[in-house]
Amino acid sequence: MQRLQILIVVGFLAGWVGLLAGCGNAALNSRQYDPPGEGGTAGSATTSTGEGGDLLTGSGGAGGAAPGCAADCVPFPLVPWDRLTMFSIAAPGEVRPCPESAPLVGFEGFGDLHVAPSTCPACSCSPASCALPEAMHVSAAKCVDGDGATETPLDVPAAWEGVCTADAIPAGLLCGGVPCTQSLTGSAPTVAPCQASAQGAASIPDPAWGTQARECLIGPLDGEGCITGEVCPPSLPEGFALCLFLNGDHPGIECPAGFTRGPLVVAHAWQDERACGPCACGEPEGADCEAMVSVFKDGACGALLASNIVADDEPGCFDLVSGSALGSKSAAWVVDKPGSCAQRGGELVGAIQPVVAVTLCCQPETDPPK
């Protein structure tokens, strides 16, 4: 009897041990994951990352919009672009007003500059001219001994043309105890510069622009429904485009894939610095000026005292009879070839400079709804 009770107790305990072992195996099996298939099965506890998406991160799969983003996700930020924004770009006066969904105007400017040809007045130069000596004086010493001797200036009219002019140095006049009249020195002939002149009036047409761009602020963008490194832009109204925005004038920048309209440089304002340069003339070239200067004893250029040639390279000095009277003088050209001057200036200078310029690369505009 006692043995029977012991067997019953042992059997009961063995049954509980078996039951507990079975329950343990069942619990272990419930925690096992099935191997993920191609892309996983949506809603399955066995889902991993694949084309079906990642339920743990909420990121979208490859190729277009993801759950939670109404439009196609766009990579951003992109170096060196400052922001991703929305623009209406059209001919001047035809840009769209900002919609109720984005009512605030951001940057607005003009681009695609059109400049009509300009004309400036025609420049010309008057001929150069040989000019007679501007100064003459008699010396109380011969030419070779002239340093430190008393000099008596003669009156030379301005722009003297060589006509007879009177002087008044009497014969025998003494300067420091020696005759005042012993030699005469005349300055070299000069070449008067050419004079510039302009014919006609300047015509500088106002510039025009082929493009106007208006930004409608869409606010900060987040990456809801997009993979890391992408943002979710809003749905755009008709006539608007998503654009990458960069401060400054960068016409040679390369636009990223998908942003095929650009680069487009637009500026908030333009400063017109164009003007016609003033006309000018260069120095005379090829000049050859030589004059015969004569002095006379009387006051009417009748009694010749002496003559000498002065050239355009250096002053001329010639000796006189010591103590002679000097009553008048005259001059005449021996060689009168003043040369010519090259014309300068008269061309259009300056340019139209952008003020507060930005560079855009944009996606195609949103098509009207069908």
Protein backbone atom coordinates (compact mmCIF):
# COMPACT_ATOMS: atom_id res chain seq x y z
CA MET A 1 0.00 0.00 0.00
CA GLN A 2 2.74 2.37 0.92
CA ARG A 3 4.62 1.46 -2.31
CA LEU A 4 1.46 2.22 -4.34
CA GLN A 5 1.20 5.69 -2.80
CA ILE A 6 4.84 6.39 -3.62
CA LEU A 7 4.36 5.40 -7.31
CA ILE A 8 1.26 7.59 -7.58
CA VAL A 9 3.19 10.60 -6.21
CA VAL A 10 6.15 9.96 -8.55
CA GLY A 11 3.86 9.67 -11.58
CA PHE A 12 2.05 12.89 -10.68
CA LEU A 13 5.31 14.80 -10.42
CA ALA A 14 6.60 13.42 -13.72
CA GLY A 15 3.42 14.59 -15.45
CA TRP A 16 3.87 18.16 -14.19
CA VAL A 17 7.47 18.18 -15.26
CA GLY A 18 6.46 17.10 -18.79
CA LEU A 19 3.72 19.70 -18.92
CA LEU A 20 6.09 22.43 -17.86
CA ALA A 21 8.64 21.33 -20.47
CA GLY A 22 5.99 21.50 -23.22
CA CYS A 23 4.93 24.97 -22.18
CA GLY A 24 8.53 26.12 -22.25
CA ASN A 25 8.98 24.93 -25.82
CA ALA A 26 5.80 26.66 -26.92
CA ALA A 27 6.92 29.94 -25.43
CA LEU A 28 10.31 29.67 -27.15
CA ASN A 29 8.72 29.00 -30.55
CA SER A 30 6.49 32.05 -30.25
CA ARG A 31 9.60 34.27 -30.10
CA GLN A 32 11.27 32.95 -33.24
CA TYR A 33 11.35 35.21 -36.45
CA ASP A 34 10.73 33.77 -39.85
CA PRO A 35 13.57 34.65 -42.28
CA PRO A 36 12.63 37.87 -44.23
CA GLY A 37 11.67 37.36 -47.82
CA GLU A 38 12.35 39.77 -50.77
CA GLY A 39 11.49 43.09 -49.22
CA GLY A 40 9.63 41.48 -46.29
CA THR A 41 5.91 41.21 -45.79
CA ALA A 42 4.09 44.37 -44.81
CA GLY A 43 2.58 44.10 -41.38
CA SER A 44 4.55 40.96 -40.47
CA ALA A 45 6.52 40.82 -37.28
CA THR A 46 9.36 39.47 -39.37
CA THR A 47 9.70 42.68 -41.52
CA SER A 48 13.25 43.92 -42.22
CA THR A 49 14.53 46.79 -44.39
CA GLY A 50 13.86 46.34 -48.11
CA GLU A 51 11.88 47.91 -50.94
CA GLY A 52 8.77 47.62 -48.81
CA GLY A 53 10.14 50.23 -46.37
CA ASP A 54 11.11 50.20 -42.74
CA LEU A 55 8.29 50.29 -40.27
CA LEU A 56 10.69 51.04 -37.46
CA THR A 57 12.11 54.20 -38.98
CA GLY A 58 9.13 55.21 -41.13
CA SER A 59 11.41 55.89 -44.11
CA GLY A 60 10.13 55.48 -47.63
CA GLY A 61 11.37 52.93 -50.11
CA ALA A 62 13.34 53.77 -53.26
CA GLY A 63 11.69 55.71 -56.08
CA GLY A 64 9.43 58.69 -55.42
CA ALA A 65 7.02 59.68 -52.71
CA ALA A 66 6.87 57.74 -49.51
CA PRO A 67 4.02 57.32 -47.04
CA GLY A 68 3.65 60.60 -45.16
CA CYS A 69 4.99 62.85 -48.00
CA ALA A 70 2.53 64.18 -50.55
CA ALA A 71 5.23 64.87 -53.13
CA ASP A 72 8.47 63.28 -54.24
CA CYS A 73 11.17 63.46 -51.61
CA VAL A 74 14.13 65.64 -52.63
CA PRO A 75 17.76 65.34 -51.48
CA PHE A 76 18.71 68.33 -49.31
CA PRO A 77 20.88 69.97 -48.08
CA LEU A 78 23.13 70.08 -51.14
CA VAL A 79 26.46 71.89 -51.18
CA PRO A 80 26.69 74.82 -51.93
CA TRP A 81 22.97 75.65 -52.10
CA ASP A 82 21.46 77.83 -49.38
CA ARG A 83 17.87 76.66 -49.42
CA LEU A 84 15.15 74.78 -51.28
CA THR A 85 12.24 77.05 -52.12
CA MET A 86 9.38 77.79 -54.54
CA PHE A 87 9.47 80.27 -57.44
CA SER A 88 7.24 81.53 -60.19
CA ILE A 89 9.46 82.35 -63.19
CA ALA A 90 8.02 84.02 -66.28
CA ALA A 91 8.28 87.04 -68.56
CA PRO A 92 8.22 90.35 -66.68
CA GLY A 93 4.74 91.12 -65.46
CA GLU A 94 3.56 87.53 -65.95
CA VAL A 95 4.78 85.88 -62.75
CA ARG A 96 2.11 84.31 -60.54
CA PRO A 97 0.98 85.92 -57.27
CA CYS A 98 1.86 83.92 -54.20
CA PRO A 99 -0.85 81.38 -53.34
CA GLU A 100 -2.75 81.20 -50.05
CA SER A 101 -0.63 78.22 -49.05
CA ALA A 102 2.53 80.37 -49.26
CA PRO A 103 1.41 84.02 -49.21
CA LEU A 104 4.71 85.67 -48.24
CA VAL A 105 6.94 86.99 -51.04
CA GLY A 106 10.63 86.29 -50.54
CA PHE A 107 13.26 87.23 -53.09
CA GLU A 108 12.09 88.93 -56.27
CA GLY A 109 14.31 89.97 -59.15
CA PHE A 110 14.98 90.07 -62.87
CA GLY A 111 17.34 88.17 -65.15
CA ASP A 112 18.06 87.30 -68.78
CA LEU A 113 19.36 90.82 -69.46
CA HIS A 114 18.83 92.20 -72.97
CA VAL A 115 20.97 95.18 -73.99
CA ALA A 116 20.45 96.92 -77.34
CA PRO A 117 23.53 98.24 -79.15
CA SER A 118 24.70 101.68 -78.07
CA THR A 119 26.35 104.38 -80.16
CA CYS A 120 28.77 107.07 -79.06
CA PRO A 121 29.72 110.34 -80.79
CA ALA A 122 32.44 110.11 -83.43
CA CYS A 123 35.73 111.56 -82.24
CA SER A 124 38.18 113.50 -84.37
CA CYS A 125 41.39 115.49 -83.85
CA SER A 126 42.31 118.82 -85.33
CA PRO A 127 45.74 119.03 -87.00
CA ALA A 128 48.70 119.84 -84.83
CA SER A 129 50.46 123.12 -85.54
CA CYS A 130 53.98 124.48 -85.33
CA ALA A 131 54.28 127.44 -82.95
CA LEU A 132 56.97 130.14 -83.18
CA PRO A 133 59.32 130.82 -80.25
CA GLU A 134 57.46 132.08 -77.19
CA ALA A 135 60.42 133.95 -75.66
CA MET A 136 63.46 135.91 -76.93
CA HIS A 137 66.15 137.97 -75.22
CA VAL A 138 69.38 139.83 -76.04
CA SER A 139 72.45 139.21 -73.89
CA ALA A 140 75.35 141.43 -72.84
CA ALA A 141 77.72 138.57 -73.84
CA LYS A 142 78.40 136.42 -76.84
CA CYS A 143 76.68 133.01 -77.10
CA VAL A 144 79.72 131.12 -75.79
CA ASP A 145 80.12 133.49 -72.82
CA GLY A 146 76.49 134.04 -71.97
CA ASP A 147 76.33 132.54 -68.49
CA GLY A 148 75.73 135.25 -65.90
CA ALA A 149 75.47 138.08 -68.39
CA THR A 150 72.70 140.66 -68.24
CA GLU A 151 69.67 139.66 -70.32
CA THR A 152 67.18 142.08 -71.84
CA PRO A 153 63.88 140.36 -72.78
CA LEU A 154 62.13 141.22 -76.04
CA ASP A 155 58.38 141.48 -76.27
CA VAL A 156 56.98 138.38 -78.02
CA PRO A 157 53.21 138.47 -78.55
CA ALA A 158 51.14 135.47 -77.53
CA ALA A 159 50.58 133.06 -80.43
CA TRP A 160 53.02 135.09 -82.48
CA GLU A 161 52.65 134.50 -86.18
CA GLY A 162 55.99 136.11 -87.12
CA VAL A 163 54.72 139.53 -88.17
CA CYS A 164 57.03 142.50 -87.55
CA THR A 165 57.00 143.71 -83.97
CA ALA A 166 58.84 146.75 -82.57
CA ASP A 167 61.53 146.71 -79.87
CA ALA A 168 63.48 149.63 -78.36
CA ILE A 169 67.12 148.91 -77.55
CA PRO A 170 69.16 151.90 -78.64
CA ALA A 171 72.66 151.63 -80.01
CA GLY A 172 75.44 151.75 -77.44
CA LEU A 173 73.22 150.96 -74.45
CA LEU A 174 75.39 149.62 -71.63
CA CYS A 175 74.55 146.85 -69.18
CA GLY A 176 77.05 146.59 -66.34
CA GLY A 177 79.60 148.54 -68.23
CA VAL A 178 79.42 146.47 -71.42
CA PRO A 179 77.13 146.78 -74.49
CA CYS A 180 73.69 145.32 -73.79
CA THR A 181 73.34 143.98 -77.34
CA GLN A 182 75.90 141.25 -78.10
CA SER A 183 73.80 138.09 -78.83
CA LEU A 184 70.18 137.01 -79.22
CA THR A 185 68.58 133.77 -77.95
CA GLY A 186 65.17 132.50 -78.98
CA SER A 187 63.30 129.54 -77.48
CA ALA A 188 62.72 126.54 -79.69
CA PRO A 189 59.55 126.37 -81.77
CA THR A 190 56.89 124.16 -80.22
CA VAL A 191 54.18 121.90 -81.56
CA ALA A 192 50.72 122.91 -80.43
CA PRO A 193 48.66 119.82 -79.49
CA CYS A 194 45.72 118.57 -81.52
CA GLN A 195 42.25 119.48 -80.28
CA ALA A 196 39.66 116.73 -79.80
CA SER A 197 36.07 117.15 -80.86
CA ALA A 198 32.96 114.96 -80.94
CA GLN A 199 30.32 114.77 -83.65
CA GLY A 200 26.85 113.45 -82.94
CA ALA A 201 25.02 112.51 -79.75
CA ALA A 202 25.31 109.45 -77.53
CA SER A 203 22.58 106.83 -77.72
CA ILE A 204 22.53 104.34 -74.83
CA PRO A 205 19.17 102.49 -74.75
CA ASP A 206 17.76 101.40 -71.43
CA PRO A 207 18.25 97.69 -70.67
CA ALA A 208 15.38 95.21 -70.68
CA TRP A 209 14.88 91.84 -68.98
CA GLY A 210 13.48 88.65 -70.36
CA THR A 211 12.75 86.99 -67.02
CA GLN A 212 11.15 87.84 -63.71
CA ALA A 213 11.40 85.52 -60.72
CA ARG A 214 9.24 85.67 -57.58
CA GLU A 215 9.85 83.52 -54.53
CA CYS A 216 6.94 82.45 -52.34
CA LEU A 217 8.22 81.35 -48.95
CA ILE A 218 7.32 77.76 -48.05
CA GLY A 219 8.96 77.67 -44.63
CA PRO A 220 11.25 75.03 -43.15
CA LEU A 221 11.02 71.57 -44.70
CA ASP A 222 11.21 68.33 -42.75
CA GLY A 223 11.99 64.79 -43.75
CA GLU A 224 8.69 63.18 -42.75
CA GLY A 225 8.12 60.16 -44.95
CA CYS A 226 11.57 60.47 -46.56
CA ILE A 227 14.85 58.69 -46.14
CA THR A 228 17.74 60.32 -44.32
CA GLY A 229 19.19 63.24 -46.31
CA GLU A 230 15.91 64.03 -48.06
CA VAL A 231 13.12 66.51 -47.34
CA CYS A 232 9.46 66.48 -48.21
CA PRO A 233 8.45 69.55 -50.26
CA PRO A 234 4.84 70.75 -50.41
CA SER A 235 2.59 70.20 -53.39
CA LEU A 236 3.14 73.14 -55.74
CA PRO A 237 0.41 75.21 -57.39
CA GLU A 238 0.23 75.53 -61.15
CA GLY A 239 2.95 77.74 -62.60
CA PHE A 240 5.40 77.26 -59.72
CA ALA A 241 8.62 75.28 -59.55
CA LEU A 242 10.83 73.93 -56.81
CA CYS A 243 14.20 75.71 -56.94
CA LEU A 244 17.61 75.53 -55.33
CA PHE A 245 18.66 78.99 -54.14
CA LEU A 246 22.24 80.31 -53.83
CA ASN A 247 23.22 83.85 -52.86
CA GLY A 248 25.52 85.56 -55.34
CA ASP A 249 26.20 85.59 -59.07
CA HIS A 250 27.33 82.08 -60.13
CA PRO A 251 26.51 81.66 -63.85
CA GLY A 252 28.93 78.74 -64.28
CA ILE A 253 27.60 76.54 -61.48
CA GLU A 254 26.36 73.06 -62.36
CA CYS A 255 22.72 72.30 -61.60
CA PRO A 256 21.98 68.97 -59.84
CA ALA A 257 20.01 66.22 -61.55
CA GLY A 258 16.31 66.99 -61.77
CA PHE A 259 16.81 70.75 -61.56
CA THR A 260 17.16 71.25 -65.29
CA ARG A 261 16.12 74.90 -65.53
CA GLY A 262 19.25 76.90 -64.83
CA PRO A 263 21.53 78.15 -63.72
CA LEU A 264 19.50 81.35 -63.80
CA VAL A 265 20.99 84.51 -62.32
CA VAL A 266 18.44 87.08 -61.18
CA ALA A 267 19.10 90.33 -59.36
CA HIS A 268 16.99 92.49 -57.09
CA ALA A 269 18.31 95.58 -58.92
CA TRP A 270 20.72 96.53 -61.69
CA GLN A 271 23.11 99.47 -61.70
CA ASP A 272 23.74 100.97 -65.13
CA GLU A 273 27.32 102.29 -65.24
CA ARG A 274 27.55 102.67 -69.03
CA ALA A 275 28.76 105.93 -70.57
CA CYS A 276 30.62 107.20 -73.62
CA GLY A 277 34.26 107.89 -72.90
CA PRO A 278 35.49 111.43 -73.62
CA CYS A 279 37.29 112.14 -76.88
CA ALA A 280 41.03 112.75 -76.64
CA CYS A 281 44.08 113.07 -78.86
CA GLY A 282 47.53 111.61 -78.46
CA GLU A 283 50.77 113.55 -78.67
CA PRO A 284 51.72 114.86 -82.12
CA GLU A 285 53.92 112.45 -84.05
CA GLY A 286 56.23 113.19 -86.99
CA ALA A 287 56.57 116.92 -86.26
CA ASP A 288 59.30 119.03 -87.93
CA CYS A 289 59.22 122.75 -87.20
CA GLU A 290 62.04 125.20 -88.19
CA ALA A 291 61.76 128.99 -88.27
CA MET A 292 63.98 131.85 -89.51
CA VAL A 293 64.15 134.59 -86.86
CA SER A 294 65.38 138.03 -88.00
CA VAL A 295 66.16 141.19 -86.02
CA PHE A 296 66.42 144.70 -87.41
CA LYS A 297 68.08 147.98 -86.46
CA ASP A 298 65.03 150.07 -87.25
CA GLY A 299 61.51 149.77 -85.88
CA ALA A 300 59.85 148.60 -89.15
CA CYS A 301 61.84 145.47 -90.04
CA GLY A 302 63.66 147.30 -92.83
CA ALA A 303 67.37 147.40 -91.80
CA LEU A 304 68.40 143.81 -91.18
CA LEU A 305 70.77 143.23 -88.28
CA ALA A 306 70.97 139.40 -88.28
CA SER A 307 68.98 136.22 -89.03
CA ASN A 308 69.18 132.67 -87.71
CA ILE A 309 67.25 129.40 -87.91
CA VAL A 310 65.78 127.90 -84.72
CA ALA A 311 64.46 124.34 -84.72
CA ASP A 312 62.03 122.38 -82.56
CA ASP A 313 64.72 120.43 -80.70
CA GLU A 314 66.63 123.19 -78.83
CA PRO A 315 66.81 126.97 -78.32
CA GLY A 316 68.85 128.99 -80.86
CA CYS A 317 71.51 131.63 -80.08
CA PHE A 318 73.33 133.83 -82.56
CA ASP A 319 75.82 136.68 -82.05
CA LEU A 320 75.10 140.31 -82.95
CA VAL A 321 77.35 143.28 -83.63
CA SER A 322 78.18 144.54 -80.13
CA GLY A 323 76.28 147.66 -79.15
CA SER A 324 73.99 147.61 -82.19
CA ALA A 325 70.53 149.11 -81.98
CA LEU A 326 67.68 146.55 -82.02
CA GLY A 327 64.42 148.14 -83.16
CA SER A 328 62.23 145.25 -84.48
CA LYS A 329 61.99 141.55 -85.28
CA SER A 330 60.09 139.06 -87.47
CA ALA A 331 59.96 135.30 -88.14
CA ALA A 332 58.99 132.98 -90.96
CA TRP A 333 58.68 129.19 -91.23
CA VAL A 334 61.37 127.32 -93.07
CA VAL A 335 59.86 123.90 -92.31
CA ASP A 336 56.23 123.69 -91.11
CA LYS A 337 55.30 120.01 -90.62
CA PRO A 338 53.51 119.65 -87.29
CA GLY A 339 52.64 115.97 -87.74
CA SER A 340 49.40 114.37 -86.62
CA CYS A 341 47.72 112.99 -83.47
CA ALA A 342 46.08 109.64 -82.85
CA GLN A 343 42.43 109.82 -81.83
CA ARG A 344 41.43 108.17 -78.53
CA GLY A 345 38.26 107.75 -76.52
CA GLY A 346 34.68 107.90 -77.68
CA GLU A 347 33.96 104.23 -76.96
CA LEU A 348 31.31 102.83 -74.64
CA VAL A 349 32.72 102.19 -71.18
CA GLY A 350 31.22 100.65 -68.06
CA ALA A 351 28.65 97.91 -67.74
CA ILE A 352 25.32 97.01 -66.17
CA GLN A 353 26.10 95.47 -62.80
CA PRO A 354 23.72 93.26 -60.81
CA VAL A 355 22.89 94.39 -57.28
CA VAL A 356 21.96 91.67 -54.77
CA ALA A 357 22.08 88.79 -57.25
CA VAL A 358 21.11 85.15 -56.61
CA THR A 359 21.50 81.98 -58.67
CA LEU A 360 18.68 79.47 -59.16
CA CYS A 361 18.44 75.91 -60.44
CA CYS A 362 14.81 74.87 -60.78
CA GLN A 363 12.68 71.87 -61.58
CA PRO A 364 10.19 72.17 -64.46
CA GLU A 365 7.09 74.17 -63.61
CA THR A 366 4.07 72.39 -62.25
CA ASP A 367 1.65 71.47 -65.05
CA PRO A 368 -1.98 72.59 -64.84
CA PRO A 369 -4.36 69.93 -63.53
CA LYS A 370 -5.95 67.74 -66.16
